Amino acid sequence: MSKDNAARISLRALRREVTGGNYALGPHAMQHAVKEEFTVADVVQVVLTGVLVEEYPSRRRCLLYADVTIEGVKLPLHVVCEQWSPESPVAIVTAYIPSENEWITPTRRKRR
């Protein structure tokens, strides 16, 4: 097994821990939630139902995406999660509405 495969996050394990309440929202996620007017429930919805956009194996992180409805408007929401083992708590590092300056679509980055 390669080093990258060993460091992949299991979405099943991540979702199991979040479903069980074994997660914490980081301050960066909370700042964006207040500024961009999404809720903790929106963030949890993305973690539980979203699609995997990117993985960052060396940091044990992944980027998930799903649409949420904020004040009657459907918007994309990105959530970055970190989990060091399948049974460990999930850290919700940040959550944000992706910027059109950085993303072509919610799942495809612009080239730098």
C-alpha atoms as a PDB file:
ATOM      1  CA  MET A   1       0.000   0.000   0.000  1.00  0.00           C
ATOM      2  CA  SER A   2       1.398   3.409  -0.915  1.00  0.00           C
ATOM      3  CA  LYS A   3       1.818   6.199   1.570  1.00  0.00           C
ATOM      4  CA  ASP A   4      -0.972   8.205  -0.130  1.00  0.00           C
ATOM      5  CA  ASN A   5      -3.428   5.303   0.091  1.00  0.00           C
ATOM      6  CA  ALA A   6      -2.667   4.883   3.778  1.00  0.00           C
ATOM      7  CA  ALA A   7      -3.485   8.541   4.392  1.00  0.00           C
ATOM      8  CA  ARG A   8      -6.816   8.648   2.534  1.00  0.00           C
ATOM      9  CA  ILE A   9      -9.833   9.709   4.509  1.00  0.00           C
ATOM     10  CA  SER A  10     -12.749   7.315   4.755  1.00  0.00           C
ATOM     11  CA  LEU A  11     -15.941   9.255   4.014  1.00  0.00           C
ATOM     12  CA  ARG A  12     -17.938   6.487   5.673  1.00  0.00           C
ATOM     13  CA  ALA A  13     -15.963   6.843   8.926  1.00  0.00           C
ATOM     14  CA  LEU A  14     -16.034  10.635   8.749  1.00  0.00           C
ATOM     15  CA  ARG A  15     -19.813  10.665   8.254  1.00  0.00           C
ATOM     16  CA  ARG A  16     -20.348   8.098  11.015  1.00  0.00           C
ATOM     17  CA  GLU A  17     -18.493  10.291  13.513  1.00  0.00           C
ATOM     18  CA  VAL A  18     -20.350  13.455  12.458  1.00  0.00           C
ATOM     19  CA  THR A  19     -23.698  11.621  12.656  1.00  0.00           C
ATOM     20  CA  GLY A  20     -22.756  10.584  16.197  1.00  0.00           C
ATOM     21  CA  GLY A  21     -21.896  14.165  17.153  1.00  0.00           C
ATOM     22  CA  ASN A  22     -18.155  13.496  17.344  1.00  0.00           C
ATOM     23  CA  TYR A  23     -17.071  16.682  15.575  1.00  0.00           C
ATOM     24  CA  ALA A  24     -16.044  20.254  16.296  1.00  0.00           C
ATOM     25  CA  LEU A  25     -16.334  23.398  14.205  1.00  0.00           C
ATOM     26  CA  GLY A  26     -13.170  25.423  14.045  1.00  0.00           C
ATOM     27  CA  PRO A  27     -13.152  29.197  14.500  1.00  0.00           C
ATOM     28  CA  HIS A  28     -12.539  29.777  10.796  1.00  0.00           C
ATOM     29  CA  ALA A  29     -15.698  27.814   9.925  1.00  0.00           C
ATOM     30  CA  MET A  30     -17.679  29.811  12.478  1.00  0.00           C
ATOM     31  CA  GLN A  31     -16.389  33.147  11.135  1.00  0.00           C
ATOM     32  CA  HIS A  32     -17.511  32.254   7.613  1.00  0.00           C
ATOM     33  CA  ALA A  33     -20.876  31.003   8.901  1.00  0.00           C
ATOM     34  CA  VAL A  34     -21.588  34.335  10.555  1.00  0.00           C
ATOM     35  CA  LYS A  35     -20.313  36.389   7.613  1.00  0.00           C
ATOM     36  CA  GLU A  36     -21.962  34.304   4.871  1.00  0.00           C
ATOM     37  CA  GLU A  37     -25.120  33.457   6.861  1.00  0.00           C
ATOM     38  CA  PHE A  38     -25.083  29.681   6.732  1.00  0.00           C
ATOM     39  CA  THR A  39     -25.733  27.498   9.777  1.00  0.00           C
ATOM     40  CA  VAL A  40     -24.055  24.618  11.564  1.00  0.00           C
ATOM     41  CA  ALA A  41     -26.894  22.455  10.211  1.00  0.00           C
ATOM     42  CA  ASP A  42     -25.900  23.520   6.674  1.00  0.00           C
ATOM     43  CA  VAL A  43     -22.296  22.499   7.344  1.00  0.00           C
ATOM     44  CA  VAL A  44     -23.354  19.128   8.762  1.00  0.00           C
ATOM     45  CA  GLN A  45     -25.631  18.592   5.731  1.00  0.00           C
ATOM     46  CA  VAL A  46     -22.652  19.090   3.397  1.00  0.00           C
ATOM     47  CA  VAL A  47     -20.520  16.635   5.380  1.00  0.00           C
ATOM     48  CA  LEU A  48     -23.257  14.001   5.402  1.00  0.00           C
ATOM     49  CA  THR A  49     -24.469  14.343   1.807  1.00  0.00           C
ATOM     50  CA  GLY A  50     -21.827  16.244  -0.151  1.00  0.00           C
ATOM     51  CA  VAL A  51     -19.496  15.083  -2.866  1.00  0.00           C
ATOM     52  CA  LEU A  52     -15.764  14.772  -2.419  1.00  0.00           C
ATOM     53  CA  VAL A  53     -14.035  17.553  -4.388  1.00  0.00           C
ATOM     54  CA  GLU A  54     -10.417  17.277  -3.231  1.00  0.00           C
ATOM     55  CA  GLU A  55      -8.310  15.245  -0.827  1.00  0.00           C
ATOM     56  CA  TYR A  56      -5.210  16.440   1.013  1.00  0.00           C
ATOM     57  CA  PRO A  57      -3.751  13.137   2.284  1.00  0.00           C
ATOM     58  CA  SER A  58      -0.680  14.560   3.988  1.00  0.00           C
ATOM     59  CA  ARG A  59      -2.937  16.734   6.172  1.00  0.00           C
ATOM     60  CA  ARG A  60      -5.678  14.076   6.560  1.00  0.00           C
ATOM     61  CA  ARG A  61      -8.156  16.575   5.104  1.00  0.00           C
ATOM     62  CA  CYS A  62     -10.792  16.595   2.408  1.00  0.00           C
ATOM     63  CA  LEU A  63     -12.982  19.186   0.711  1.00  0.00           C
ATOM     64  CA  LEU A  64     -16.677  18.391   0.369  1.00  0.00           C
ATOM     65  CA  TYR A  65     -19.371  20.260  -1.541  1.00  0.00           C
ATOM     66  CA  ALA A  66     -23.159  20.378  -1.628  1.00  0.00           C
ATOM     67  CA  ASP A  67     -25.786  22.995  -2.341  1.00  0.00           C
ATOM     68  CA  VAL A  68     -27.641  24.493   0.624  1.00  0.00           C
ATOM     69  CA  THR A  69     -30.551  26.917   0.778  1.00  0.00           C
ATOM     70  CA  ILE A  70     -29.833  30.185   2.556  1.00  0.00           C
ATOM     71  CA  GLU A  71     -32.758  32.595   2.910  1.00  0.00           C
ATOM     72  CA  GLY A  72     -34.552  30.917   0.004  1.00  0.00           C
ATOM     73  CA  VAL A  73     -31.515  30.992  -2.302  1.00  0.00           C
ATOM     74  CA  LYS A  74     -29.708  27.795  -3.326  1.00  0.00           C
ATOM     75  CA  LEU A  75     -25.940  28.285  -2.928  1.00  0.00           C
ATOM     76  CA  PRO A  76     -22.879  26.024  -3.085  1.00  0.00           C
ATOM     77  CA  LEU A  77     -21.106  25.373   0.207  1.00  0.00           C
ATOM     78  CA  HIS A  78     -17.607  23.943   0.655  1.00  0.00           C
ATOM     79  CA  VAL A  79     -16.530  22.246   3.887  1.00  0.00           C
ATOM     80  CA  VAL A  80     -12.977  21.196   4.741  1.00  0.00           C
ATOM     81  CA  CYS A  81     -12.774  18.337   7.244  1.00  0.00           C
ATOM     82  CA  GLU A  82      -9.842  16.734   9.008  1.00  0.00           C
ATOM     83  CA  GLN A  83      -9.795  13.296  10.614  1.00  0.00           C
ATOM     84  CA  TRP A  84      -6.672  11.488  11.781  1.00  0.00           C
ATOM     85  CA  SER A  85      -8.175   8.033  12.269  1.00  0.00           C
ATOM     86  CA  PRO A  86     -11.566   6.439  11.565  1.00  0.00           C
ATOM     87  CA  GLU A  87     -12.614   6.679  15.228  1.00  0.00           C
ATOM     88  CA  SER A  88     -11.212  10.137  15.967  1.00  0.00           C
ATOM     89  CA  PRO A  89     -13.289  13.311  16.145  1.00  0.00           C
ATOM     90  CA  VAL A  90     -13.823  15.194  12.908  1.00  0.00           C
ATOM     91  CA  ALA A  91     -12.472  18.724  12.841  1.00  0.00           C
ATOM     92  CA  ILE A  92     -14.467  20.966  10.543  1.00  0.00           C
ATOM     93  CA  VAL A  93     -11.598  23.248   9.662  1.00  0.00           C
ATOM     94  CA  THR A  94     -13.482  25.733   7.522  1.00  0.00           C
ATOM     95  CA  ALA A  95     -16.652  26.156   5.517  1.00  0.00           C
ATOM     96  CA  TYR A  96     -17.342  28.789   2.890  1.00  0.00           C
ATOM     97  CA  ILE A  97     -19.277  29.717  -0.210  1.00  0.00           C
ATOM     98  CA  PRO A  98     -16.768  29.252  -3.044  1.00  0.00           C
ATOM     99  CA  SER A  99     -15.656  32.432  -4.779  1.00  0.00           C
ATOM    100  CA  GLU A 100     -16.208  32.848  -8.509  1.00  0.00           C
ATOM    101  CA  ASN A 101     -12.669  34.273  -8.578  1.00  0.00           C
ATOM    102  CA  GLU A 102     -11.231  30.888  -7.564  1.00  0.00           C
ATOM    103  CA  TRP A 103     -13.773  28.338  -8.830  1.00  0.00           C
ATOM    104  CA  ILE A 104     -15.183  27.707 -12.328  1.00  0.00           C
ATOM    105  CA  THR A 105     -17.865  25.497 -10.806  1.00  0.00           C
ATOM    106  CA  PRO A 106     -18.252  24.360  -7.187  1.00  0.00           C
ATOM    107  CA  THR A 107     -16.183  21.287  -8.047  1.00  0.00           C
ATOM    108  CA  ARG A 108     -13.592  22.722 -10.451  1.00  0.00           C
ATOM    109  CA  ARG A 109     -10.887  25.217  -9.513  1.00  0.00           C
ATOM    110  CA  LYS A 110      -9.640  27.904 -11.859  1.00  0.00           C
ATOM    111  CA  ARG A 111      -6.042  27.441 -12.934  1.00  0.00           C
ATOM    112  CA  ARG A 112      -3.558  29.597 -11.132  1.00  0.00           C
END
